[in-house]
């Protein structure tokens, strides 16, 4: 392979992974795979939906997400962080896979399949994503499961491939970016991969331009999750602003134990109007009601385990929340803050739990006691296509020292979405586990529903279905207080 031009070397430098993103490759272990996932359930259209239709849809839309045809190349000697290069042997059929559930095709079988798929690490020699079409669900439904590595979602504007296959109408003409063919195989020609000499030249050019890159690369290669967590206190003052909550270690909890490689998965379906009715009756926000339900569920779950629950017992959660940017300050769109909240699991009254959660969330907002987005970027890389990814990335760095579990609540569109003519019925997140964290809870509101996904360690949480049922009971308990 011939030598690259100066411009080509510059392009190579520009497509280098940041120290924050490459850290997720260094930190990844068999017990903590660093990918975020999702499970979308669809109603098959009248003319059916099969693997070929999904494959055609991905081929049509993948030009919108060029990163999904790129893989990682490491620099010899680790003189610089790796770079993204086009995968010359890209095989879309490898990434888009098919599975069929045996009869009766119930949700429990789907959950077991999700747990097995999400337990496995992604192949680092290929683009870091997978998608599964799961057929055979009862009631003429099917599911689409996605896995995307954190290293790929490297910015607030990042787009996940699961997003680009969804449309707001059932019938959509083929679409692709200007100048791109709808046929992935015919319209895309990968750029030649750099040789090791060219990788070295790019590393030298980058290190000359950014001398700190050498230090960053060495540090990323030598540090581990514990030392990263130790750097939290100096991250732009963001955690110092979290006051006394962050200064204290998280409570001792059965939620924080050594975890293994295998997972369990459970889901909860609920109605968004129920949360709105509770909010209207008792005040606060929909997110406060969600956290109060989680608090009530954790209380009931701890009692089923025979744990000692006192009136002062708490469980600390990290809650990434979306906050609207101030137009007066010229900040468009959404920003993200992340709160550390002690849930009052010792409080027996559901209404009092809600009031306490609302008070603590309001105090965070009024006093600025939050981990701001800028501080998050200094901790673990600010890189979600959704806030589910954000919460998981921060959790990977902070670990159990700061909180017991992550609860991500992502508002979604309140109108139906479609993929290849099939209507999406529900969307459940799969938030990965950090070290020593036995369960994570993600939820997405969509089309009038609120959908929980509970990702749990297989050995530590054999009763994850009990926790899921406790969420349903906690919501019903709050609803019973509303006339």
Protein backbone atom coordinates (compact mmCIF):
# COMPACT_ATOMS: atom_id res chain seq x y z
CA UNK A 1 0.00 0.00 0.00
CA UNK A 2 1.46 3.34 -1.03
CA UNK A 3 2.18 6.25 1.27
CA UNK A 4 -0.71 8.51 2.10
CA UNK A 5 -0.76 12.24 1.29
CA UNK A 6 -0.52 14.85 4.04
CA UNK A 7 -4.25 15.46 3.68
CA UNK A 8 -5.01 11.76 4.13
CA UNK A 9 -2.86 11.62 7.25
CA UNK A 10 -4.77 14.64 8.59
CA UNK A 11 -8.05 12.85 7.96
CA UNK A 12 -6.71 9.82 9.82
CA UNK A 13 -5.82 12.03 12.79
CA UNK A 14 -9.29 13.56 12.73
CA UNK A 15 -10.93 10.13 13.00
CA UNK A 16 -8.93 9.05 16.04
CA UNK A 17 -10.77 7.81 19.13
CA UNK A 18 -10.70 10.21 22.05
CA UNK A 19 -9.01 9.07 25.29
CA UNK A 20 -12.46 8.88 26.86
CA UNK A 21 -13.86 6.64 24.15
CA UNK A 22 -10.86 4.35 23.95
CA UNK A 23 -11.02 3.92 27.73
CA UNK A 24 -14.13 1.79 27.24
CA UNK A 25 -12.07 -0.61 25.18
CA UNK A 26 -9.37 -0.79 27.83
CA UNK A 27 -11.85 -1.18 30.70
CA UNK A 28 -14.01 -3.82 29.04
CA UNK A 29 -13.96 -7.23 30.69
CA UNK A 30 -15.97 -10.39 30.26
CA UNK A 31 -18.08 -9.45 33.30
CA UNK A 32 -18.70 -5.88 32.13
CA UNK A 33 -19.25 -5.71 28.36
CA UNK A 34 -19.29 -2.07 27.29
CA UNK A 35 -22.27 -1.94 24.96
CA UNK A 36 -25.70 -0.42 25.36
CA UNK A 37 -28.70 -2.31 24.02
CA UNK A 38 -32.36 -2.06 23.23
CA UNK A 39 -35.36 -4.28 22.60
CA UNK A 40 -38.14 -3.04 20.32
CA UNK A 41 -41.32 -5.09 19.89
CA UNK A 42 -43.32 -4.69 16.67
CA UNK A 43 -46.67 -5.77 15.28
CA UNK A 44 -46.13 -7.47 11.96
CA UNK A 45 -47.96 -5.78 9.05
CA UNK A 46 -50.61 -7.58 7.03
CA UNK A 47 -48.08 -8.63 4.39
CA UNK A 48 -45.65 -9.91 7.03
CA UNK A 49 -42.12 -8.95 8.02
CA UNK A 50 -39.07 -11.13 7.48
CA UNK A 51 -35.30 -11.05 7.63
CA UNK A 52 -34.93 -9.92 4.02
CA UNK A 53 -37.12 -6.88 4.66
CA UNK A 54 -35.04 -5.87 7.68
CA UNK A 55 -31.81 -6.43 5.76
CA UNK A 56 -33.07 -4.23 2.91
CA UNK A 57 -34.04 -1.53 5.41
CA UNK A 58 -30.57 -1.57 7.00
CA UNK A 59 -28.86 -1.44 3.60
CA UNK A 60 -31.03 1.54 2.69
CA UNK A 61 -30.38 3.50 5.88
CA UNK A 62 -26.80 2.60 6.84
CA UNK A 63 -25.35 5.47 4.74
CA UNK A 64 -26.82 7.78 7.39
CA UNK A 65 -24.52 6.20 10.00
CA UNK A 66 -21.16 5.63 8.27
CA UNK A 67 -19.51 4.67 11.57
CA UNK A 68 -21.44 1.40 11.38
CA UNK A 69 -19.25 0.28 8.46
CA UNK A 70 -16.02 1.11 10.25
CA UNK A 71 -13.84 -0.87 12.60
CA UNK A 72 -11.03 0.00 14.98
CA UNK A 73 -7.34 -0.16 14.01
CA UNK A 74 -4.77 0.02 16.78
CA UNK A 75 -1.53 1.98 16.39
CA UNK A 76 1.66 -0.12 16.72
CA UNK A 77 3.26 0.35 20.11
CA UNK A 78 0.15 2.20 21.31
CA UNK A 79 1.90 5.48 20.41
CA UNK A 80 -1.53 7.02 19.95
CA UNK A 81 -5.14 6.10 20.37
CA UNK A 82 -6.65 3.83 17.68
CA UNK A 83 -8.46 5.18 14.63
CA UNK A 84 -11.67 4.37 12.79
CA UNK A 85 -11.15 2.86 9.34
CA UNK A 86 -13.57 1.52 6.75
CA UNK A 87 -14.02 -2.23 7.03
CA UNK A 88 -12.91 -3.53 3.63
CA UNK A 89 -14.62 -6.86 4.35
CA UNK A 90 -17.83 -5.42 5.77
CA UNK A 91 -20.53 -8.09 5.81
CA UNK A 92 -23.93 -6.73 6.74
CA UNK A 93 -25.34 -10.24 7.14
CA UNK A 94 -22.85 -10.82 9.97
CA UNK A 95 -24.22 -7.84 11.91
CA UNK A 96 -27.91 -8.33 11.15
CA UNK A 97 -28.91 -11.75 12.45
CA UNK A 98 -32.04 -13.83 12.71
CA UNK A 99 -33.50 -15.94 15.51
CA UNK A 100 -36.81 -17.75 15.98
CA UNK A 101 -38.39 -18.43 19.36
CA UNK A 102 -39.95 -21.86 19.88
CA UNK A 103 -43.64 -22.05 20.60
CA UNK A 104 -45.44 -20.53 22.45
CA UNK A 105 -43.18 -17.51 21.77
CA UNK A 106 -43.95 -15.73 25.03
CA UNK A 107 -42.22 -12.73 26.59
CA UNK A 108 -40.29 -14.86 29.08
CA UNK A 109 -38.59 -16.66 26.17
CA UNK A 110 -37.75 -13.29 24.60
CA UNK A 111 -36.26 -12.06 27.89
CA UNK A 112 -34.05 -15.14 28.15
CA UNK A 113 -32.81 -14.64 24.60
CA UNK A 114 -32.11 -10.94 25.26
CA UNK A 115 -30.10 -11.86 28.37
CA UNK A 116 -27.93 -14.33 26.44
CA UNK A 117 -27.34 -11.94 23.52
CA UNK A 118 -26.47 -8.97 25.72
CA UNK A 119 -24.07 -11.03 27.86
CA UNK A 120 -21.62 -11.53 24.98
CA UNK A 121 -18.94 -9.02 24.05
CA UNK A 122 -18.82 -7.60 20.54
CA UNK A 123 -16.12 -8.74 18.09
CA UNK A 124 -13.43 -6.04 18.08
CA UNK A 125 -12.18 -7.05 14.65
CA UNK A 126 -15.46 -5.88 13.09
CA UNK A 127 -17.73 -2.81 13.38
CA UNK A 128 -18.90 -2.76 16.98
CA UNK A 129 -22.62 -3.42 16.63
CA UNK A 130 -25.15 -6.20 16.16
CA UNK A 131 -28.87 -6.40 15.44
CA UNK A 132 -31.16 -9.42 15.83
CA UNK A 133 -34.54 -10.04 14.26
CA UNK A 134 -36.44 -12.30 16.68
CA UNK A 135 -39.39 -14.00 15.06
CA UNK A 136 -41.99 -16.31 16.56
CA UNK A 137 -43.40 -14.00 19.21
CA UNK A 138 -47.06 -14.63 20.05
CA UNK A 139 -49.85 -12.40 18.66
CA UNK A 140 -48.03 -11.97 15.34
CA UNK A 141 -45.30 -9.87 16.91
CA UNK A 142 -41.56 -9.79 16.37
CA UNK A 143 -38.67 -8.07 18.16
CA UNK A 144 -35.51 -6.25 17.11
CA UNK A 145 -32.60 -6.39 19.56
CA UNK A 146 -29.64 -4.02 19.19
CA UNK A 147 -26.14 -3.84 20.67
CA UNK A 148 -23.82 -0.86 20.16
CA UNK A 149 -20.44 -0.36 21.82
CA UNK A 150 -19.91 2.80 23.87
CA UNK A 151 -16.83 3.62 21.82
CA UNK A 152 -19.09 4.18 18.80
CA UNK A 153 -21.51 6.65 20.35
CA UNK A 154 -18.99 9.42 20.74
CA UNK A 155 -21.09 12.56 20.96
CA UNK A 156 -24.48 14.07 21.80
CA UNK A 157 -25.31 14.16 18.10
CA UNK A 158 -24.44 10.49 17.59
CA UNK A 159 -27.15 8.43 15.94
CA UNK A 160 -27.80 4.79 16.67
CA UNK A 161 -28.75 2.51 13.81
CA UNK A 162 -31.96 1.58 15.63
CA UNK A 163 -33.07 5.19 15.23
CA UNK A 164 -32.56 5.48 11.49
CA UNK A 165 -34.73 2.47 10.64
CA UNK A 166 -37.77 4.06 12.32
CA UNK A 167 -40.28 6.28 10.51
CA UNK A 168 -43.28 8.31 11.63
CA UNK A 169 -45.53 6.82 8.93
CA UNK A 170 -46.21 3.29 7.84
CA UNK A 171 -45.40 3.89 4.16
CA UNK A 172 -42.06 5.57 3.41
CA UNK A 173 -40.25 5.65 0.09
CA UNK A 174 -36.67 4.43 -0.05
CA UNK A 175 -34.38 7.15 1.19
CA UNK A 176 -30.64 7.73 1.43
CA UNK A 177 -28.27 10.67 1.84
CA UNK A 178 -27.64 12.78 -1.28
CA UNK A 179 -25.29 11.02 -3.66
CA UNK A 180 -25.62 7.65 -1.92
CA UNK A 181 -27.06 4.57 -3.57
CA UNK A 182 -29.84 2.69 -1.78
CA UNK A 183 -27.84 -0.46 -2.48
CA UNK A 184 -25.16 -0.61 0.19
CA UNK A 185 -23.02 -3.13 -1.68
CA UNK A 186 -23.09 -1.23 -4.97
CA UNK A 187 -23.01 2.37 -3.71
CA UNK A 188 -20.32 2.22 -1.05
CA UNK A 189 -16.61 1.74 -1.68
CA UNK A 190 -14.46 1.50 1.47
CA UNK A 191 -11.38 3.64 1.69
CA UNK A 192 -8.21 1.54 1.79
CA UNK A 193 -7.02 0.75 5.29
CA UNK A 194 -3.78 2.43 6.40
CA UNK A 195 -0.62 0.38 6.71
CA UNK A 196 1.28 0.30 9.97
CA UNK A 197 3.67 2.92 8.55
CA UNK A 198 0.75 5.22 7.83
CA UNK A 199 -0.68 4.60 11.28
CA UNK A 200 2.67 5.58 12.78
CA UNK A 201 2.82 8.70 10.61
CA UNK A 202 -0.66 9.69 11.75
CA UNK A 203 0.32 9.13 15.38
CA UNK A 204 3.41 11.31 15.01
CA UNK A 205 1.40 14.03 13.30
CA UNK A 206 -1.21 13.94 16.04
CA UNK A 207 1.37 13.99 18.83
CA UNK A 208 3.13 16.98 17.26
CA UNK A 209 -0.17 18.79 16.95
CA UNK A 210 -1.36 17.72 20.43
CA UNK A 211 1.56 16.85 22.73
CA UNK A 212 -0.86 15.87 25.49
CA UNK A 213 -2.14 13.02 23.31
CA UNK A 214 0.92 10.92 24.22
CA UNK A 215 0.18 11.30 27.92
CA UNK A 216 -3.49 10.59 27.32
CA UNK A 217 -2.74 7.41 25.39
CA UNK A 218 -0.31 6.11 28.00
CA UNK A 219 -2.67 6.95 30.83
CA UNK A 220 -5.58 5.23 29.10
CA UNK A 221 -3.49 2.14 28.60
CA UNK A 222 -2.22 1.89 32.15
CA UNK A 223 -5.13 2.99 34.34
CA UNK A 224 -8.13 0.94 35.35
CA UNK A 225 -11.66 1.67 36.46
CA UNK A 226 -10.66 2.25 40.07
CA UNK A 227 -8.14 4.93 39.23
CA UNK A 228 -10.64 6.56 36.91
CA UNK A 229 -13.15 6.69 39.74
CA UNK A 230 -10.43 8.22 41.89
CA UNK A 231 -10.13 11.09 39.43
CA UNK A 232 -13.80 11.95 39.91
CA UNK A 233 -13.11 14.43 42.68
CA UNK A 234 -11.08 16.62 40.35
CA UNK A 235 -13.36 16.58 37.35
CA UNK A 236 -14.15 20.25 36.76
CA UNK A 237 -15.75 20.64 40.16
CA UNK A 238 -18.85 18.91 38.83
CA UNK A 239 -19.11 16.33 41.58
CA UNK A 240 -18.05 18.79 44.26
CA UNK A 241 -21.24 20.64 43.42
CA UNK A 242 -23.20 17.56 44.40
CA UNK A 243 -22.55 18.50 48.01
CA UNK A 244 -23.02 16.16 50.91
CA UNK A 245 -24.78 13.48 48.88
CA UNK A 246 -21.72 12.76 46.77
CA UNK A 247 -19.36 13.23 49.72
CA UNK A 248 -20.82 10.20 51.49
CA UNK A 249 -20.27 6.71 50.12
CA UNK A 250 -23.30 4.85 48.84
CA UNK A 251 -25.20 2.77 51.44
CA UNK A 252 -24.26 -0.87 51.83
CA UNK A 253 -26.70 -2.84 49.70
CA UNK A 254 -27.27 -6.31 48.23
CA UNK A 255 -27.40 -4.44 44.93
CA UNK A 256 -23.60 -4.17 45.08
CA UNK A 257 -21.86 -7.51 44.85
CA UNK A 258 -19.28 -9.12 42.56
CA UNK A 259 -20.93 -9.98 39.25
CA UNK A 260 -20.30 -12.60 36.60
CA UNK A 261 -20.54 -12.84 32.82
CA UNK A 262 -24.19 -13.88 32.46
CA UNK A 263 -27.38 -11.85 32.70
CA UNK A 264 -31.11 -11.97 33.34
CA UNK A 265 -33.56 -9.53 31.79
CA UNK A 266 -37.07 -8.43 32.73
CA UNK A 267 -39.49 -5.77 31.50
CA UNK A 268 -42.42 -3.77 32.85
CA UNK A 269 -45.18 -2.12 30.81
CA UNK A 270 -47.09 0.83 32.28
CA UNK A 271 -49.31 3.70 31.19
CA UNK A 272 -47.91 7.24 31.00
CA UNK A 273 -51.29 8.70 31.98
CA UNK A 274 -51.04 6.92 35.35
CA UNK A 275 -47.86 8.83 36.17
CA UNK A 276 -49.49 12.07 35.05
CA UNK A 277 -52.52 11.47 37.28
CA UNK A 278 -50.28 10.87 40.29
CA UNK A 279 -48.22 13.97 39.50
CA UNK A 280 -51.38 16.08 39.18
CA UNK A 281 -52.71 14.83 42.53
CA UNK A 282 -49.51 15.04 44.58
CA UNK A 283 -47.22 17.46 42.75
CA UNK A 284 -43.68 17.00 41.48
CA UNK A 285 -42.79 15.74 38.02
CA UNK A 286 -43.36 12.55 36.07
CA UNK A 287 -39.71 11.67 36.72
CA UNK A 288 -40.32 12.10 40.46
CA UNK A 289 -43.23 9.66 40.24
CA UNK A 290 -41.01 7.18 38.37
CA UNK A 291 -38.35 7.39 41.09
CA UNK A 292 -40.98 7.02 43.81
CA UNK A 293 -42.19 3.84 42.09
CA UNK A 294 -38.61 2.56 41.95
CA UNK A 295 -38.20 3.40 45.65
CA UNK A 296 -41.37 1.51 46.53
CA UNK A 297 -40.31 -1.45 44.39
CA UNK A 298 -36.86 -1.61 45.99
CA UNK A 299 -38.43 -1.46 49.45
CA UNK A 300 -40.76 -4.37 48.69
CA UNK A 301 -37.98 -6.35 47.00
CA UNK A 302 -35.62 -5.89 49.96
CA UNK A 303 -38.37 -7.10 52.31
CA UNK A 304 -38.94 -10.23 50.18
CA UNK A 305 -35.24 -10.98 50.66
CA UNK A 306 -35.48 -10.57 54.42
CA UNK A 307 -33.16 -7.56 54.43
CA UNK A 308 -33.14 -5.21 57.41
CA UNK A 309 -35.17 -2.18 56.28
CA UNK A 310 -35.33 0.61 58.87
CA UNK A 311 -37.18 3.96 58.64
CA UNK A 312 -33.86 5.53 57.67
CA UNK A 313 -32.87 3.04 54.95
CA UNK A 314 -31.98 4.53 51.56
CA UNK A 315 -30.75 3.37 48.18
CA UNK A 316 -28.74 5.85 46.15
CA UNK A 317 -29.43 6.06 42.44
CA UNK A 318 -27.71 8.01 39.71
CA UNK A 319 -30.34 9.67 37.53
CA UNK A 320 -29.34 11.29 34.23
CA UNK A 321 -32.05 13.81 33.33
CA UNK A 322 -32.60 15.99 30.28
CA UNK A 323 -32.80 19.73 30.95
CA UNK A 324 -33.81 22.29 28.35
CA UNK A 325 -31.04 24.70 27.43
CA UNK A 326 -31.65 28.36 28.22
CA UNK A 327 -32.61 30.23 25.05
CA UNK A 328 -31.65 33.49 26.73
CA UNK A 329 -28.11 32.18 27.00
CA UNK A 330 -28.14 30.97 23.43
CA UNK A 331 -28.04 27.29 24.35
CA UNK A 332 -30.33 25.40 21.95
CA UNK A 333 -31.83 21.96 22.39
CA UNK A 334 -31.42 19.64 25.35
CA UNK A 335 -28.63 19.37 27.86
CA UNK A 336 -28.02 16.67 30.44
CA UNK A 337 -27.52 16.77 34.18
CA UNK A 338 -27.05 13.76 36.42
CA UNK A 339 -28.34 13.68 39.97
CA UNK A 340 -27.33 11.46 42.88
CA UNK A 341 -30.56 10.82 44.77
CA UNK A 342 -31.09 8.87 47.99
CA UNK A 343 -34.38 7.00 47.56
CA UNK A 344 -36.29 6.64 50.87
CA UNK A 345 -36.86 2.88 50.80
CA UNK A 346 -37.42 2.90 54.57
CA UNK A 347 -40.55 5.08 54.26
CA UNK A 348 -43.70 2.91 54.30
CA UNK A 349 -46.08 5.56 52.91
CA UNK A 350 -46.10 5.80 49.08
CA UNK A 351 -47.19 9.46 49.16
CA UNK A 352 -44.45 10.39 51.64
CA UNK A 353 -41.91 8.59 49.45
CA UNK A 354 -43.04 10.69 46.49
CA UNK A 355 -42.86 13.93 48.50
CA UNK A 356 -39.36 13.10 49.73
CA UNK A 357 -38.16 12.24 46.21
CA UNK A 358 -39.69 15.46 44.83
CA UNK A 359 -38.05 17.50 47.57
CA UNK A 360 -34.63 16.00 46.93
CA UNK A 361 -34.86 16.40 43.16
CA UNK A 362 -36.03 20.00 43.54
CA UNK A 363 -33.17 20.73 45.93
CA UNK A 364 -30.71 19.41 43.35
CA UNK A 365 -32.11 21.69 40.67
CA UNK A 366 -32.26 24.79 42.87
CA UNK A 367 -28.79 24.46 44.39
CA UNK A 368 -27.00 23.18 41.31
CA UNK A 369 -26.08 19.98 43.17
CA UNK A 370 -25.73 17.93 40.02
CA UNK A 371 -23.05 16.30 37.96
CA UNK A 372 -23.15 18.61 34.95
CA UNK A 373 -22.69 17.46 31.39
CA UNK A 374 -19.25 19.08 31.21
CA UNK A 375 -18.11 17.20 34.31
CA UNK A 376 -19.50 13.97 32.92
CA UNK A 377 -17.39 14.47 29.82
CA UNK A 378 -14.37 14.70 32.09
CA UNK A 379 -15.28 11.46 33.83
CA UNK A 380 -16.28 8.90 31.27
CA UNK A 381 -16.96 10.59 27.96
CA UNK A 382 -20.23 12.27 27.07
CA UNK A 383 -21.50 10.01 24.36
CA UNK A 384 -25.09 8.92 24.20
CA UNK A 385 -27.35 8.43 21.26
CA UNK A 386 -29.67 8.33 24.26
CA UNK A 387 -29.24 9.10 27.94
CA UNK A 388 -29.28 5.36 28.59
CA UNK A 389 -25.79 5.25 27.12
CA UNK A 390 -24.81 8.29 29.17
CA UNK A 391 -25.85 6.69 32.43
CA UNK A 392 -24.04 3.48 31.62
CA UNK A 393 -20.83 5.28 30.66
CA UNK A 394 -20.74 7.31 33.85
CA UNK A 395 -21.59 4.26 35.93
CA UNK A 396 -18.61 2.43 34.45
CA UNK A 397 -16.27 5.03 35.91
CA UNK A 398 -17.94 5.90 39.21
CA UNK A 399 -18.88 2.37 40.32
CA UNK A 400 -20.49 1.52 43.64
CA UNK A 401 -18.47 4.08 45.57
CA UNK A 402 -20.94 6.78 44.59
CA UNK A 403 -24.28 5.05 44.03
CA UNK A 404 -26.05 1.69 44.22
CA UNK A 405 -27.63 1.58 40.78
CA UNK A 406 -28.43 3.60 37.67
CA UNK A 407 -31.96 4.62 36.70
CA UNK A 408 -32.21 6.19 33.25
CA UNK A 409 -35.49 7.74 32.14
CA UNK A 410 -35.57 8.79 28.49
CA UNK A 411 -38.64 10.55 27.06
CA UNK A 412 -39.53 9.30 23.62
CA UNK A 413 -42.01 10.34 20.92
CA UNK A 414 -45.67 10.14 21.82
CA UNK A 415 -46.81 9.02 18.39
CA UNK A 416 -46.44 5.63 16.71
CA UNK A 417 -43.22 4.76 14.89
CA UNK A 418 -42.77 2.18 12.14
CA UNK A 419 -39.99 0.04 10.69
CA UNK A 420 -40.60 -1.32 7.22
CA UNK A 421 -44.36 -0.92 7.68
CA UNK A 422 -44.42 -2.66 11.08
CA UNK A 423 -45.71 -0.60 14.01
CA UNK A 424 -43.46 -0.43 17.07
CA UNK A 425 -45.47 -1.43 20.13
CA UNK A 426 -42.87 -1.01 22.88
CA UNK A 427 -39.22 -0.04 23.35
CA UNK A 428 -37.20 -1.39 26.30
CA UNK A 429 -33.65 -0.25 27.08
CA UNK A 430 -30.82 -2.57 28.13
CA UNK A 431 -28.48 -0.54 30.34
CA UNK A 432 -25.21 -2.45 30.94
CA UNK A 433 -23.90 -3.17 34.41
CA UNK A 434 -20.93 -1.48 36.02
CA UNK A 435 -18.56 -3.44 38.22
CA UNK A 436 -20.16 -4.71 41.43
CA UNK A 437 -23.63 -3.52 40.39
CA UNK A 438 -26.18 -6.31 40.25
CA UNK A 439 -28.97 -4.54 38.33
CA UNK A 440 -29.64 -1.47 36.21
CA UNK A 441 -33.02 0.05 35.41
CA UNK A 442 -33.78 1.90 32.19
CA UNK A 443 -37.13 3.17 31.02
CA UNK A 444 -38.43 4.84 27.90
CA UNK A 445 -41.76 6.60 27.41
CA UNK A 446 -43.26 6.03 23.98
CA UNK A 447 -46.71 6.46 22.42
CA UNK A 448 -48.55 6.74 25.74
CA UNK A 449 -46.62 3.97 27.51
CA UNK A 450 -43.67 3.78 29.90
CA UNK A 451 -41.47 0.73 29.31
CA UNK A 452 -38.92 -0.51 31.85
CA UNK A 453 -35.96 -2.74 31.09
CA UNK A 454 -34.16 -4.43 34.01
CA UNK A 455 -30.72 -5.82 33.19
CA UNK A 456 -29.34 -7.98 36.00
CA UNK A 457 -26.52 -10.32 36.90
CA UNK A 458 -27.70 -13.91 36.56
CA UNK A 459 -26.30 -15.20 39.86
CA UNK A 460 -26.82 -12.12 42.03
CA UNK A 461 -30.39 -11.45 40.83
CA UNK A 462 -32.28 -14.72 40.34
CA UNK A 463 -35.34 -12.74 41.50
CA UNK A 464 -35.19 -9.91 38.96
CA UNK A 465 -38.75 -10.81 37.90
CA UNK A 466 -39.81 -10.17 41.52
CA UNK A 467 -38.29 -6.68 41.36
CA UNK A 468 -40.12 -6.07 38.06
CA UNK A 469 -43.42 -7.12 39.65
CA UNK A 470 -42.70 -4.82 42.60
CA UNK A 471 -42.50 -1.86 40.19
CA UNK A 472 -46.00 -2.65 38.94
CA UNK A 473 -47.24 -2.95 42.54
CA UNK A 474 -45.58 0.32 43.59
CA UNK A 475 -47.30 2.17 40.75
CA UNK A 476 -50.64 0.63 41.69
CA UNK A 477 -50.05 1.64 45.33
CA UNK A 478 -49.54 5.27 44.31
CA UNK A 479 -52.56 5.18 41.99
CA UNK A 480 -54.72 3.98 44.87
CA UNK A 481 -54.05 7.32 46.61
CA UNK A 482 -55.48 9.27 43.68
CA UNK A 483 -59.24 9.87 43.69
